[in-house]
Amino acid sequence: MIRTRLSPEETTPISIDGVKDVSMRVLLGGEHGMPNFSMRHFVVAPGGHTPRHAHDYEHQVIVLGGCGEAEQDGVTSTIQSGDVLYVSPELTHQFRNTGDEPMQFVCLVPRTRNNGGEVPGS
């Protein structure tokens, strides 16, 4: 068994185009010898957001704390702690923190893209 622990303080700021005030940490992934999936912990500061983007693999997301919006293919939904989401491959999506406290979520992704190659941050 491999054990890691959620710790917002151990996340690292993401600095790519389209990202504002987001940090991430791989909880379980390639560096832990995971063959199929990676589990990532994101912290989005108030007013922050992930990039609006699309790719060829799915996400499964559990919102741990805070609140915000999740957009997929032009449809926006309000999200909050306890929500579980499925993000389809190939559809444009984004997560935004609209609250006053950090929004935290865990995102499960495959380690390999549908068209081959490694999923970034896995």
PDB file of N, CA and C in Angstrom:
ATOM      1  N   MET A   1       0.843  -1.182   0.000  1.00  0.00           N
ATOM      2  CA  MET A   1       0.000   0.000   0.000  1.00  0.00           C
ATOM      3  C   MET A   1       0.886   1.243   0.000  1.00  0.00           C
ATOM      4  N   ILE A   2       0.481   2.219  -0.771  1.00  0.00           N
ATOM      5  CA  ILE A   2       1.168   3.510  -0.800  1.00  0.00           C
ATOM      6  C   ILE A   2       0.215   4.527  -0.188  1.00  0.00           C
ATOM      7  N   ARG A   3       0.743   5.352   0.703  1.00  0.00           N
ATOM      8  CA  ARG A   3      -0.093   6.327   1.398  1.00  0.00           C
ATOM      9  C   ARG A   3       0.495   7.716   1.227  1.00  0.00           C
ATOM     10  N   THR A   4      -0.336   8.649   0.807  1.00  0.00           N
ATOM     11  CA  THR A   4       0.034  10.066   0.819  1.00  0.00           C
ATOM     12  C   THR A   4      -1.054  10.790   1.585  1.00  0.00           C
ATOM     13  N   ARG A   5      -0.917  12.090   1.717  1.00  0.00           N
ATOM     14  CA  ARG A   5      -1.877  12.844   2.521  1.00  0.00           C
ATOM     15  C   ARG A   5      -2.155  14.187   1.861  1.00  0.00           C
ATOM     16  N   LEU A   6      -3.411  14.602   1.910  1.00  0.00           N
ATOM     17  CA  LEU A   6      -3.769  15.930   1.416  1.00  0.00           C
ATOM     18  C   LEU A   6      -3.087  16.985   2.271  1.00  0.00           C
ATOM     19  N   SER A   7      -2.463  17.933   1.606  1.00  0.00           N
ATOM     20  CA  SER A   7      -1.831  19.025   2.321  1.00  0.00           C
ATOM     21  C   SER A   7      -1.753  20.227   1.384  1.00  0.00           C
ATOM     22  N   PRO A   8      -2.680  21.188   1.530  1.00  0.00           N
ATOM     23  CA  PRO A   8      -2.655  22.363   0.649  1.00  0.00           C
ATOM     24  C   PRO A   8      -1.309  23.076   0.637  1.00  0.00           C
ATOM     25  N   GLU A   9      -0.592  23.010   1.748  1.00  0.00           N
ATOM     26  CA  GLU A   9       0.707  23.682   1.841  1.00  0.00           C
ATOM     27  C   GLU A   9       1.759  23.030   0.940  1.00  0.00           C
ATOM     28  N   GLU A  10       1.543  21.781   0.540  1.00  0.00           N
ATOM     29  CA  GLU A  10       2.518  21.074  -0.296  1.00  0.00           C
ATOM     30  C   GLU A  10       2.218  21.178  -1.787  1.00  0.00           C
ATOM     31  N   THR A  11       1.156  21.906  -2.159  1.00  0.00           N
ATOM     32  CA  THR A  11       0.879  22.103  -3.574  1.00  0.00           C
ATOM     33  C   THR A  11       1.837  23.151  -4.134  1.00  0.00           C
ATOM     34  N   THR A  12       2.064  23.082  -5.440  1.00  0.00           N
ATOM     35  CA  THR A  12       2.995  23.985  -6.120  1.00  0.00           C
ATOM     36  C   THR A  12       2.229  24.850  -7.109  1.00  0.00           C
ATOM     37  N   PRO A  13       2.482  26.159  -7.124  1.00  0.00           N
ATOM     38  CA  PRO A  13       1.783  27.030  -8.080  1.00  0.00           C
ATOM     39  C   PRO A  13       1.987  26.563  -9.521  1.00  0.00           C
ATOM     40  N   ILE A  14       0.912  26.641 -10.296  1.00  0.00           N
ATOM     41  CA  ILE A  14       0.948  26.297 -11.715  1.00  0.00           C
ATOM     42  C   ILE A  14       1.115  27.592 -12.496  1.00  0.00           C
ATOM     43  N   SER A  15       2.103  27.615 -13.368  1.00  0.00           N
ATOM     44  CA  SER A  15       2.330  28.828 -14.165  1.00  0.00           C
ATOM     45  C   SER A  15       2.307  28.467 -15.650  1.00  0.00           C
ATOM     46  N   ILE A  16       1.081  28.309 -16.169  1.00  0.00           N
ATOM     47  CA  ILE A  16       0.899  28.117 -17.599  1.00  0.00           C
ATOM     48  C   ILE A  16      -0.167  29.100 -18.068  1.00  0.00           C
ATOM     49  N   ASP A  17      -0.207  29.355 -19.355  1.00  0.00           N
ATOM     50  CA  ASP A  17      -1.177  30.303 -19.909  1.00  0.00           C
ATOM     51  C   ASP A  17      -2.597  29.929 -19.513  1.00  0.00           C
ATOM     52  N   GLY A  18      -3.366  30.933 -19.122  1.00  0.00           N
ATOM     53  CA  GLY A  18      -4.763  30.731 -18.799  1.00  0.00           C
ATOM     54  C   GLY A  18      -5.046  30.356 -17.355  1.00  0.00           C
ATOM     55  N   VAL A  19      -4.000  30.186 -16.540  1.00  0.00           N
ATOM     56  CA  VAL A  19      -4.166  29.823 -15.134  1.00  0.00           C
ATOM     57  C   VAL A  19      -4.003  31.062 -14.274  1.00  0.00           C
ATOM     58  N   LYS A  20      -4.872  31.187 -13.265  1.00  0.00           N
ATOM     59  CA  LYS A  20      -4.741  32.282 -12.304  1.00  0.00           C
ATOM     60  C   LYS A  20      -4.884  31.714 -10.900  1.00  0.00           C
ATOM     61  N   ASP A  21      -3.837  31.820 -10.098  1.00  0.00           N
ATOM     62  CA  ASP A  21      -3.859  31.485  -8.667  1.00  0.00           C
ATOM     63  C   ASP A  21      -4.303  30.049  -8.386  1.00  0.00           C
ATOM     64  N   VAL A  22      -3.658  29.094  -9.058  1.00  0.00           N
ATOM     65  CA  VAL A  22      -3.934  27.672  -8.869  1.00  0.00           C
ATOM     66  C   VAL A  22      -2.644  26.963  -8.503  1.00  0.00           C
ATOM     67  N   SER A  23      -2.713  26.056  -7.538  1.00  0.00           N
ATOM     68  CA  SER A  23      -1.568  25.207  -7.212  1.00  0.00           C
ATOM     69  C   SER A  23      -2.019  23.753  -7.234  1.00  0.00           C
ATOM     70  N   MET A  24      -1.057  22.839  -7.412  1.00  0.00           N
ATOM     71  CA  MET A  24      -1.381  21.434  -7.577  1.00  0.00           C
ATOM     72  C   MET A  24      -0.281  20.558  -6.991  1.00  0.00           C
ATOM     73  N   ARG A  25      -0.682  19.358  -6.620  1.00  0.00           N
ATOM     74  CA  ARG A  25       0.266  18.332  -6.188  1.00  0.00           C
ATOM     75  C   ARG A  25      -0.255  16.977  -6.658  1.00  0.00           C
ATOM     76  N   VAL A  26       0.622  16.154  -7.208  1.00  0.00           N
ATOM     77  CA  VAL A  26       0.250  14.792  -7.564  1.00  0.00           C
ATOM     78  C   VAL A  26       0.275  13.972  -6.280  1.00  0.00           C
ATOM     79  N   LEU A  27      -0.885  13.436  -5.899  1.00  0.00           N
ATOM     80  CA  LEU A  27      -0.978  12.613  -4.689  1.00  0.00           C
ATOM     81  C   LEU A  27      -0.494  11.195  -4.961  1.00  0.00           C
ATOM     82  N   LEU A  28      -0.917  10.645  -6.081  1.00  0.00           N
ATOM     83  CA  LEU A  28      -0.479   9.327  -6.540  1.00  0.00           C
ATOM     84  C   LEU A  28      -0.355   9.404  -8.052  1.00  0.00           C
ATOM     85  N   GLY A  29       0.802   9.023  -8.571  1.00  0.00           N
ATOM     86  CA  GLY A  29       1.009   9.111 -10.010  1.00  0.00           C
ATOM     87  C   GLY A  29       2.231   8.330 -10.438  1.00  0.00           C
ATOM     88  N   GLY A  30       2.804   8.740 -11.541  1.00  0.00           N
ATOM     89  CA  GLY A  30       3.955   8.054 -12.095  1.00  0.00           C
ATOM     90  C   GLY A  30       5.108   7.930 -11.123  1.00  0.00           C
ATOM     91  N   GLU A  31       5.368   8.979 -10.374  1.00  0.00           N
ATOM     92  CA  GLU A  31       6.485   8.950  -9.425  1.00  0.00           C
ATOM     93  C   GLU A  31       6.267   7.938  -8.303  1.00  0.00           C
ATOM     94  N   HIS A  32       5.005   7.493  -8.128  1.00  0.00           N
ATOM     95  CA  HIS A  32       4.676   6.492  -7.108  1.00  0.00           C
ATOM     96  C   HIS A  32       4.498   5.103  -7.722  1.00  0.00           C
ATOM     97  N   GLY A  33       4.749   4.999  -9.021  1.00  0.00           N
ATOM     98  CA  GLY A  33       4.627   3.717  -9.702  1.00  0.00           C
ATOM     99  C   GLY A  33       3.211   3.355 -10.120  1.00  0.00           C
ATOM    100  N   MET A  34       2.311   4.338 -10.164  1.00  0.00           N
ATOM    101  CA  MET A  34       0.934   4.053 -10.553  1.00  0.00           C
ATOM    102  C   MET A  34       0.891   3.728 -12.048  1.00  0.00           C
ATOM    103  N   PRO A  35       0.339   2.586 -12.428  1.00  0.00           N
ATOM    104  CA  PRO A  35       0.364   2.182 -13.831  1.00  0.00           C
ATOM    105  C   PRO A  35      -0.741   2.795 -14.692  1.00  0.00           C
ATOM    106  N   ASN A  36      -1.888   3.135 -14.112  1.00  0.00           N
ATOM    107  CA  ASN A  36      -3.036   3.512 -14.940  1.00  0.00           C
ATOM    108  C   ASN A  36      -3.610   4.897 -14.689  1.00  0.00           C
ATOM    109  N   PHE A  37      -3.626   5.353 -13.427  1.00  0.00           N
ATOM    110  CA  PHE A  37      -4.286   6.602 -13.084  1.00  0.00           C
ATOM    111  C   PHE A  37      -3.394   7.469 -12.210  1.00  0.00           C
ATOM    112  N   SER A  38      -3.680   8.769 -12.242  1.00  0.00           N
ATOM    113  CA  SER A  38      -3.040   9.714 -11.335  1.00  0.00           C
ATOM    114  C   SER A  38      -4.110  10.485 -10.591  1.00  0.00           C
ATOM    115  N   MET A  39      -3.845  10.722  -9.312  1.00  0.00           N
ATOM    116  CA  MET A  39      -4.732  11.494  -8.459  1.00  0.00           C
ATOM    117  C   MET A  39      -4.022  12.790  -8.107  1.00  0.00           C
ATOM    118  N   ARG A  40      -4.673  13.913  -8.434  1.00  0.00           N
ATOM    119  CA  ARG A  40      -4.048  15.225  -8.242  1.00  0.00           C
ATOM    120  C   ARG A  40      -4.902  16.095  -7.330  1.00  0.00           C
ATOM    121  N   HIS A  41      -4.263  16.853  -6.477  1.00  0.00           N
ATOM    122  CA  HIS A  41      -4.936  17.756  -5.541  1.00  0.00           C
ATOM    123  C   HIS A  41      -4.711  19.185  -6.027  1.00  0.00           C
ATOM    124  N   PHE A  42      -5.801  19.906  -6.285  1.00  0.00           N
ATOM    125  CA  PHE A  42      -5.732  21.293  -6.739  1.00  0.00           C
ATOM    126  C   PHE A  42      -6.258  22.221  -5.660  1.00  0.00           C
ATOM    127  N   VAL A  43      -5.646  23.392  -5.539  1.00  0.00           N
ATOM    128  CA  VAL A  43      -6.126  24.467  -4.680  1.00  0.00           C
ATOM    129  C   VAL A  43      -6.250  25.712  -5.563  1.00  0.00           C
ATOM    130  N   VAL A  44      -7.465  26.266  -5.625  1.00  0.00           N
ATOM    131  CA  VAL A  44      -7.730  27.450  -6.440  1.00  0.00           C
ATOM    132  C   VAL A  44      -8.082  28.591  -5.493  1.00  0.00           C
ATOM    133  N   ALA A  45      -7.274  29.643  -5.490  1.00  0.00           N
ATOM    134  CA  ALA A  45      -7.501  30.788  -4.607  1.00  0.00           C
ATOM    135  C   ALA A  45      -8.765  31.537  -5.028  1.00  0.00           C
ATOM    136  N   PRO A  46      -9.370  32.295  -4.117  1.00  0.00           N
ATOM    137  CA  PRO A  46     -10.526  33.107  -4.489  1.00  0.00           C
ATOM    138  C   PRO A  46     -10.211  33.964  -5.720  1.00  0.00           C
ATOM    139  N   GLY A  47     -11.106  33.919  -6.699  1.00  0.00           N
ATOM    140  CA  GLY A  47     -10.895  34.657  -7.945  1.00  0.00           C
ATOM    141  C   GLY A  47     -10.020  33.929  -8.952  1.00  0.00           C
ATOM    142  N   GLY A  48      -9.458  32.805  -8.559  1.00  0.00           N
ATOM    143  CA  GLY A  48      -8.575  32.051  -9.445  1.00  0.00           C
ATOM    144  C   GLY A  48      -9.337  31.100 -10.351  1.00  0.00           C
ATOM    145  N   HIS A  49      -8.610  30.555 -11.338  1.00  0.00           N
ATOM    146  CA  HIS A  49      -9.234  29.620 -12.268  1.00  0.00           C
ATOM    147  C   HIS A  49      -8.181  28.769 -12.975  1.00  0.00           C
ATOM    148  N   THR A  50      -8.617  27.603 -13.408  1.00  0.00           N
ATOM    149  CA  THR A  50      -7.796  26.749 -14.259  1.00  0.00           C
ATOM    150  C   THR A  50      -7.900  27.279 -15.688  1.00  0.00           C
ATOM    151  N   PRO A  51      -7.077  26.784 -16.608  1.00  0.00           N
ATOM    152  CA  PRO A  51      -7.208  27.258 -17.987  1.00  0.00           C
ATOM    153  C   PRO A  51      -8.484  26.721 -18.633  1.00  0.00           C
ATOM    154  N   ARG A  52      -9.013  27.450 -19.574  1.00  0.00           N
ATOM    155  CA  ARG A  52     -10.125  26.937 -20.390  1.00  0.00           C
ATOM    156  C   ARG A  52      -9.451  26.119 -21.491  1.00  0.00           C
ATOM    157  N   HIS A  53      -9.684  24.810 -21.462  1.00  0.00           N
ATOM    158  CA  HIS A  53      -8.950  23.925 -22.375  1.00  0.00           C
ATOM    159  C   HIS A  53      -9.723  22.641 -22.634  1.00  0.00           C
ATOM    160  N   ALA A  54      -9.242  21.864 -23.583  1.00  0.00           N
ATOM    161  CA  ALA A  54      -9.807  20.554 -23.897  1.00  0.00           C
ATOM    162  C   ALA A  54      -8.656  19.601 -24.194  1.00  0.00           C
ATOM    163  N   HIS A  55      -8.903  18.320 -23.997  1.00  0.00           N
ATOM    164  CA  HIS A  55      -7.910  17.290 -24.295  1.00  0.00           C
ATOM    165  C   HIS A  55      -8.614  15.965 -24.491  1.00  0.00           C
ATOM    166  N   ASP A  56      -7.869  14.942 -24.834  1.00  0.00           N
ATOM    167  CA  ASP A  56      -8.469  13.668 -25.241  1.00  0.00           C
ATOM    168  C   ASP A  56      -8.680  12.672 -24.108  1.00  0.00           C
ATOM    169  N   TYR A  57      -8.648  13.094 -22.877  1.00  0.00           N
ATOM    170  CA  TYR A  57      -8.870  12.182 -21.756  1.00  0.00           C
ATOM    171  C   TYR A  57      -9.885  12.780 -20.783  1.00  0.00           C
ATOM    172  N   GLU A  58     -10.532  11.913 -20.030  1.00  0.00           N
ATOM    173  CA  GLU A  58     -11.554  12.318 -19.073  1.00  0.00           C
ATOM    174  C   GLU A  58     -10.941  12.732 -17.740  1.00  0.00           C
ATOM    175  N   HIS A  59     -11.746  13.408 -16.919  1.00  0.00           N
ATOM    176  CA  HIS A  59     -11.430  13.709 -15.517  1.00  0.00           C
ATOM    177  C   HIS A  59     -12.568  13.176 -14.662  1.00  0.00           C
ATOM    178  N   GLN A  60     -12.241  12.776 -13.460  1.00  0.00           N
ATOM    179  CA  GLN A  60     -13.236  12.579 -12.414  1.00  0.00           C
ATOM    180  C   GLN A  60     -12.784  13.462 -11.261  1.00  0.00           C
ATOM    181  N   VAL A  61     -13.690  14.271 -10.733  1.00  0.00           N
ATOM    182  CA  VAL A  61     -13.343  15.318  -9.778  1.00  0.00           C
ATOM    183  C   VAL A  61     -14.222  15.206  -8.538  1.00  0.00           C
ATOM    184  N   ILE A  62     -13.614  15.384  -7.365  1.00  0.00           N
ATOM    185  CA  ILE A  62     -14.342  15.495  -6.099  1.00  0.00           C
ATOM    186  C   ILE A  62     -13.982  16.844  -5.494  1.00  0.00           C
ATOM    187  N   VAL A  63     -14.980  17.680  -5.259  1.00  0.00           N
ATOM    188  CA  VAL A  63     -14.752  18.984  -4.640  1.00  0.00           C
ATOM    189  C   VAL A  63     -14.672  18.781  -3.134  1.00  0.00           C
ATOM    190  N   LEU A  64     -13.537  19.158  -2.555  1.00  0.00           N
ATOM    191  CA  LEU A  64     -13.288  18.942  -1.130  1.00  0.00           C
ATOM    192  C   LEU A  64     -13.678  20.128  -0.257  1.00  0.00           C
ATOM    193  N   GLY A  65     -13.568  21.326  -0.803  1.00  0.00           N
ATOM    194  CA  GLY A  65     -13.848  22.515  -0.014  1.00  0.00           C
ATOM    195  C   GLY A  65     -14.010  23.728  -0.896  1.00  0.00           C
ATOM    196  N   GLY A  66     -14.695  24.718  -0.372  1.00  0.00           N
ATOM    197  CA  GLY A  66     -14.926  25.938  -1.116  1.00  0.00           C
ATOM    198  C   GLY A  66     -16.059  25.786  -2.104  1.00  0.00           C
ATOM    199  N   CYS A  67     -16.171  26.770  -2.985  1.00  0.00           N
ATOM    200  CA  CYS A  67     -17.233  26.745  -3.993  1.00  0.00           C
ATOM    201  C   CYS A  67     -16.754  27.467  -5.237  1.00  0.00           C
ATOM    202  N   GLY A  68     -17.487  27.260  -6.316  1.00  0.00           N
ATOM    203  CA  GLY A  68     -17.109  27.908  -7.557  1.00  0.00           C
ATOM    204  C   GLY A  68     -17.999  27.489  -8.690  1.00  0.00           C
ATOM    205  N   GLU A  69     -17.404  27.493  -9.868  1.00  0.00           N
ATOM    206  CA  GLU A  69     -18.110  27.118 -11.085  1.00  0.00           C
ATOM    207  C   GLU A  69     -17.266  26.136 -11.873  1.00  0.00           C
ATOM    208  N   ALA A  70     -17.946  25.208 -12.518  1.00  0.00           N
ATOM    209  CA  ALA A  70     -17.316  24.305 -13.464  1.00  0.00           C
ATOM    210  C   ALA A  70     -18.013  24.522 -14.797  1.00  0.00           C
ATOM    211  N   GLU A  71     -17.227  24.791 -15.813  1.00  0.00           N
ATOM    212  CA  GLU A  71     -17.782  24.985 -17.145  1.00  0.00           C
ATOM    213  C   GLU A  71     -17.337  23.828 -18.030  1.00  0.00           C
ATOM    214  N   GLN A  72     -18.281  23.275 -18.799  1.00  0.00           N
ATOM    215  CA  GLN A  72     -17.947  22.253 -19.783  1.00  0.00           C
ATOM    216  C   GLN A  72     -18.772  22.511 -21.028  1.00  0.00           C
ATOM    217  N   ASP A  73     -18.092  22.674 -22.158  1.00  0.00           N
ATOM    218  CA  ASP A  73     -18.746  22.842 -23.450  1.00  0.00           C
ATOM    219  C   ASP A  73     -19.760  23.983 -23.428  1.00  0.00           C
ATOM    220  N   GLY A  74     -19.399  25.098 -22.738  1.00  0.00           N
ATOM    221  CA  GLY A  74     -20.246  26.284 -22.696  1.00  0.00           C
ATOM    222  C   GLY A  74     -21.344  26.270 -21.657  1.00  0.00           C
ATOM    223  N   VAL A  75     -21.473  25.168 -20.906  1.00  0.00           N
ATOM    224  CA  VAL A  75     -22.500  25.079 -19.852  1.00  0.00           C
ATOM    225  C   VAL A  75     -21.806  25.227 -18.500  1.00  0.00           C
ATOM    226  N   THR A  76     -22.269  26.173 -17.688  1.00  0.00           N
ATOM    227  CA  THR A  76     -21.667  26.443 -16.390  1.00  0.00           C
ATOM    228  C   THR A  76     -22.552  25.918 -15.275  1.00  0.00           C
ATOM    229  N   SER A  77     -21.923  25.213 -14.323  1.00  0.00           N
ATOM    230  CA  SER A  77     -22.627  24.691 -13.150  1.00  0.00           C
ATOM    231  C   SER A  77     -21.956  25.218 -11.892  1.00  0.00           C
ATOM    232  N   THR A  78     -22.751  25.527 -10.889  1.00  0.00           N
ATOM    233  CA  THR A  78     -22.223  25.898  -9.585  1.00  0.00           C
ATOM    234  C   THR A  78     -21.748  24.622  -8.892  1.00  0.00           C
ATOM    235  N   ILE A  79     -20.579  24.685  -8.275  1.00  0.00           N
ATOM    236  CA  ILE A  79     -20.038  23.526  -7.564  1.00  0.00           C
ATOM    237  C   ILE A  79     -19.678  23.918  -6.138  1.00  0.00           C
ATOM    238  N   GLN A  80     -19.710  22.915  -5.252  1.00  0.00           N
ATOM    239  CA  GLN A  80     -19.358  23.152  -3.852  1.00  0.00           C
ATOM    240  C   GLN A  80     -18.827  21.861  -3.247  1.00  0.00           C
ATOM    241  N   SER A  81     -18.327  21.973  -2.045  1.00  0.00           N
ATOM    242  CA  SER A  81     -17.790  20.832  -1.316  1.00  0.00           C
ATOM    243  C   SER A  81     -18.770  19.672  -1.337  1.00  0.00           C
ATOM    244  N   GLY A  82     -18.270  18.491  -1.669  1.00  0.00           N
ATOM    245  CA  GLY A  82     -19.084  17.290  -1.716  1.00  0.00           C
ATOM    246  C   GLY A  82     -19.544  16.911  -3.112  1.00  0.00           C
ATOM    247  N   ASP A  83     -19.452  17.831  -4.069  1.00  0.00           N
ATOM    248  CA  ASP A  83     -19.862  17.515  -5.437  1.00  0.00           C
ATOM    249  C   ASP A  83     -18.837  16.605  -6.103  1.00  0.00           C
ATOM    250  N   VAL A  84     -19.337  15.692  -6.928  1.00  0.00           N
ATOM    251  CA  VAL A  84     -18.515  14.773  -7.699  1.00  0.00           C
ATOM    252  C   VAL A  84     -18.857  15.009  -9.168  1.00  0.00           C
ATOM    253  N   LEU A  85     -17.836  15.211  -9.994  1.00  0.00           N
ATOM    254  CA  LEU A  85     -18.044  15.601 -11.384  1.00  0.00           C
ATOM    255  C   LEU A  85     -17.329  14.653 -12.343  1.00  0.00           C
ATOM    256  N   TYR A  86     -17.901  14.505 -13.521  1.00  0.00           N
ATOM    257  CA  TYR A  86     -17.254  13.812 -14.630  1.00  0.00           C
ATOM    258  C   TYR A  86     -17.060  14.835 -15.734  1.00  0.00           C
ATOM    259  N   VAL A  87     -15.837  14.997 -16.204  1.00  0.00           N
ATOM    260  CA  VAL A  87     -15.515  15.910 -17.290  1.00  0.00           C
ATOM    261  C   VAL A  87     -15.168  15.058 -18.509  1.00  0.00           C
ATOM    262  N   SER A  88     -15.960  15.208 -19.555  1.00  0.00           N
ATOM    263  CA  SER A  88     -15.800  14.398 -20.766  1.00  0.00           C
ATOM    264  C   SER A  88     -14.548  14.769 -21.547  1.00  0.00           C
ATOM    265  N   PRO A  89     -13.950  13.798 -22.225  1.00  0.00           N
ATOM    266  CA  PRO A  89     -12.830  14.113 -23.099  1.00  0.00           C
ATOM    267  C   PRO A  89     -13.303  14.945 -24.287  1.00  0.00           C
ATOM    268  N   GLU A  90     -12.382  15.715 -24.843  1.00  0.00           N
ATOM    269  CA  GLU A  90     -12.593  16.513 -26.063  1.00  0.00           C
ATOM    270  C   GLU A  90     -13.470  17.746 -25.871  1.00  0.00           C
ATOM    271  N   LEU A  91     -14.041  17.982 -24.699  1.00  0.00           N
ATOM    272  CA  LEU A  91     -14.890  19.149 -24.475  1.00  0.00           C
ATOM    273  C   LEU A  91     -14.126  20.215 -23.695  1.00  0.00           C
ATOM    274  N   THR A  92     -14.285  21.462 -24.098  1.00  0.00           N
ATOM    275  CA  THR A  92     -13.631  22.573 -23.416  1.00  0.00           C
ATOM    276  C   THR A  92     -14.208  22.701 -22.009  1.00  0.00           C
ATOM    277  N   HIS A  93     -13.310  22.879 -21.016  1.00  0.00           N
ATOM    278  CA  HIS A  93     -13.754  22.961 -19.625  1.00  0.00           C
ATOM    279  C   HIS A  93     -12.844  23.888 -18.825  1.00  0.00           C
ATOM    280  N   GLN A  94     -13.353  24.325 -17.677  1.00  0.00           N
ATOM    281  CA  GLN A  94     -12.616  25.215 -16.777  1.00  0.00           C
ATOM    282  C   GLN A  94     -13.248  25.165 -15.393  1.00  0.00           C
ATOM    283  N   PHE A  95     -12.423  25.334 -14.353  1.00  0.00           N
ATOM    284  CA  PHE A  95     -12.890  25.444 -12.972  1.00  0.00           C
ATOM    285  C   PHE A  95     -12.538  26.839 -12.469  1.00  0.00           C
ATOM    286  N   ARG A  96     -13.509  27.525 -11.817  1.00  0.00           N
ATOM    287  CA  ARG A  96     -13.306  28.877 -11.306  1.00  0.00           C
ATOM    288  C   ARG A  96     -13.763  28.956  -9.852  1.00  0.00           C
ATOM    289  N   ASN A  97     -12.973  29.617  -9.029  1.00  0.00           N
ATOM    290  CA  ASN A  97     -13.353  29.847  -7.636  1.00  0.00           C
ATOM    291  C   ASN A  97     -14.111  31.164  -7.559  1.00  0.00           C
ATOM    292  N   THR A  98     -15.378  31.098  -7.172  1.00  0.00           N
ATOM    293  CA  THR A  98     -16.202  32.298  -7.033  1.00  0.00           C
ATOM    294  C   THR A  98     -16.459  32.649  -5.570  1.00  0.00           C
ATOM    295  N   GLY A  99     -15.840  31.899  -4.665  1.00  0.00           N
ATOM    296  CA  GLY A  99     -16.073  32.108  -3.243  1.00  0.00           C
ATOM    297  C   GLY A  99     -15.006  32.948  -2.581  1.00  0.00           C
ATOM    298  N   ASP A 100     -15.066  32.993  -1.255  1.00  0.00           N
ATOM    299  CA  ASP A 100     -14.147  33.797  -0.449  1.00  0.00           C
ATOM    300  C   ASP A 100     -13.041  32.975   0.201  1.00  0.00           C
ATOM    301  N   GLU A 101     -13.053  31.665  -0.004  1.00  0.00           N
ATOM    302  CA  GLU A 101     -12.023  30.797   0.566  1.00  0.00           C
ATOM    303  C   GLU A 101     -11.462  29.917  -0.551  1.00  0.00           C
ATOM    304  N   PRO A 102     -10.304  29.318  -0.326  1.00  0.00           N
ATOM    305  CA  PRO A 102      -9.752  28.449  -1.371  1.00  0.00           C
ATOM    306  C   PRO A 102     -10.717  27.317  -1.730  1.00  0.00           C
ATOM    307  N   MET A 103     -10.807  27.035  -3.011  1.00  0.00           N
ATOM    308  CA  MET A 103     -11.569  25.883  -3.482  1.00  0.00           C
ATOM    309  C   MET A 103     -10.568  24.754  -3.719  1.00  0.00           C
ATOM    310  N   GLN A 104     -10.839  23.602  -3.125  1.00  0.00           N
ATOM    311  CA  GLN A 104      -9.951  22.453  -3.276  1.00  0.00           C
ATOM    312  C   GLN A 104     -10.699  21.320  -3.951  1.00  0.00           C
ATOM    313  N   PHE A 105     -10.006  20.639  -4.857  1.00  0.00           N
ATOM    314  CA  PHE A 105     -10.598  19.452  -5.451  1.00  0.00           C
ATOM    315  C   PHE A 105      -9.523  18.433  -5.772  1.00  0.00           C
ATOM    316  N   VAL A 106      -9.957  17.186  -5.820  1.00  0.00           N
ATOM    317  CA  VAL A 106      -9.102  16.079  -6.240  1.00  0.00           C
ATOM    318  C   VAL A 106      -9.573  15.677  -7.624  1.00  0.00           C
ATOM    319  N   CYS A 107      -8.614  15.481  -8.515  1.00  0.00           N
ATOM    320  CA  CYS A 107      -8.898  15.146  -9.897  1.00  0.00           C
ATOM    321  C   CYS A 107      -8.197  13.832 -10.237  1.00  0.00           C
ATOM    322  N   LEU A 108      -8.959  12.876 -10.721  1.00  0.00           N
ATOM    323  CA  LEU A 108      -8.419  11.590 -11.140  1.00  0.00           C
ATOM    324  C   LEU A 108      -8.369  11.573 -12.662  1.00  0.00           C
ATOM    325  N   VAL A 109      -7.190  11.283 -13.224  1.00  0.00           N
ATOM    326  CA  VAL A 109      -7.010  11.236 -14.678  1.00  0.00           C
ATOM    327  C   VAL A 109      -6.238   9.969 -15.046  1.00  0.00           C
ATOM    328  N   PRO A 110      -6.406   9.496 -16.291  1.00  0.00           N
ATOM    329  CA  PRO A 110      -5.574   8.385 -16.738  1.00  0.00           C
ATOM    330  C   PRO A 110      -4.133   8.864 -16.894  1.00  0.00           C
ATOM    331  N   ARG A 111      -3.188   7.962 -16.820  1.00  0.00           N
ATOM    332  CA  ARG A 111      -1.782   8.343 -16.991  1.00  0.00           C
ATOM    333  C   ARG A 111      -1.418   8.478 -18.470  1.00  0.00           C
ATOM    334  N   THR A 112      -2.188   7.812 -19.343  1.00  0.00           N
ATOM    335  CA  THR A 112      -1.888   7.833 -20.773  1.00  0.00           C
ATOM    336  C   THR A 112      -3.040   8.462 -21.538  1.00  0.00           C
ATOM    337  N   ARG A 113      -2.717   9.342 -22.472  1.00  0.00           N
ATOM    338  CA  ARG A 113      -3.722   9.967 -23.329  1.00  0.00           C
ATOM    339  C   ARG A 113      -4.393   8.913 -24.209  1.00  0.00           C
ATOM    340  N   ASN A 114      -5.608   9.200 -24.625  1.00  0.00           N
ATOM    341  CA  ASN A 114      -6.323   8.295 -25.520  1.00  0.00           C
ATOM    342  C   ASN A 114      -5.571   8.109 -26.838  1.00  0.00           C
ATOM    343  N   ASN A 115      -4.883   9.162 -27.297  1.00  0.00           N
ATOM    344  CA  ASN A 115      -4.144   9.074 -28.560  1.00  0.00           C
ATOM    345  C   ASN A 115      -2.666   8.755 -28.342  1.00  0.00           C
ATOM    346  N   GLY A 116      -2.313   8.314 -27.137  1.00  0.00           N
ATOM    347  CA  GLY A 116      -0.933   7.958 -26.814  1.00  0.00           C
ATOM    348  C   GLY A 116      -0.202   9.102 -26.132  1.00  0.00           C
ATOM    349  N   GLY A 117       0.856   8.789 -25.431  1.00  0.00           N
ATOM    350  CA  GLY A 117       1.629   9.797 -24.711  1.00  0.00           C
ATOM    351  C   GLY A 117       1.123   9.976 -23.293  1.00  0.00           C
ATOM    352  N   GLU A 118       1.952  10.563 -22.469  1.00  0.00           N
ATOM    353  CA  GLU A 118       1.631  10.753 -21.053  1.00  0.00           C
ATOM    354  C   GLU A 118       0.777  11.989 -20.831  1.00  0.00           C
ATOM    355  N   VAL A 119      -0.185  11.871 -19.927  1.00  0.00           N
ATOM    356  CA  VAL A 119      -1.007  13.002 -19.519  1.00  0.00           C
ATOM    357  C   VAL A 119      -0.135  13.932 -18.675  1.00  0.00           C
ATOM    358  N   PRO A 120      -0.119  15.236 -18.992  1.00  0.00           N
ATOM    359  CA  PRO A 120       0.672  16.180 -18.194  1.00  0.00           C
ATOM    360  C   PRO A 120       0.238  16.159 -16.727  1.00  0.00           C
ATOM    361  N   GLY A 121       1.184  16.264 -15.839  1.00  0.00           N
ATOM    362  CA  GLY A 121       0.880  16.298 -14.404  1.00  0.00           C
ATOM    363  C   GLY A 121       0.376  14.986 -13.866  1.00  0.00           C
ATOM    364  N   SER A 122       0.852  13.886 -14.467  1.00  0.00           N
ATOM    365  CA  SER A 122       0.384  12.591 -13.989  1.00  0.00           C
ATOM    366  C   SER A 122       1.537  11.761 -13.451  1.00  0.00           C
TER     367      SER A 122
END
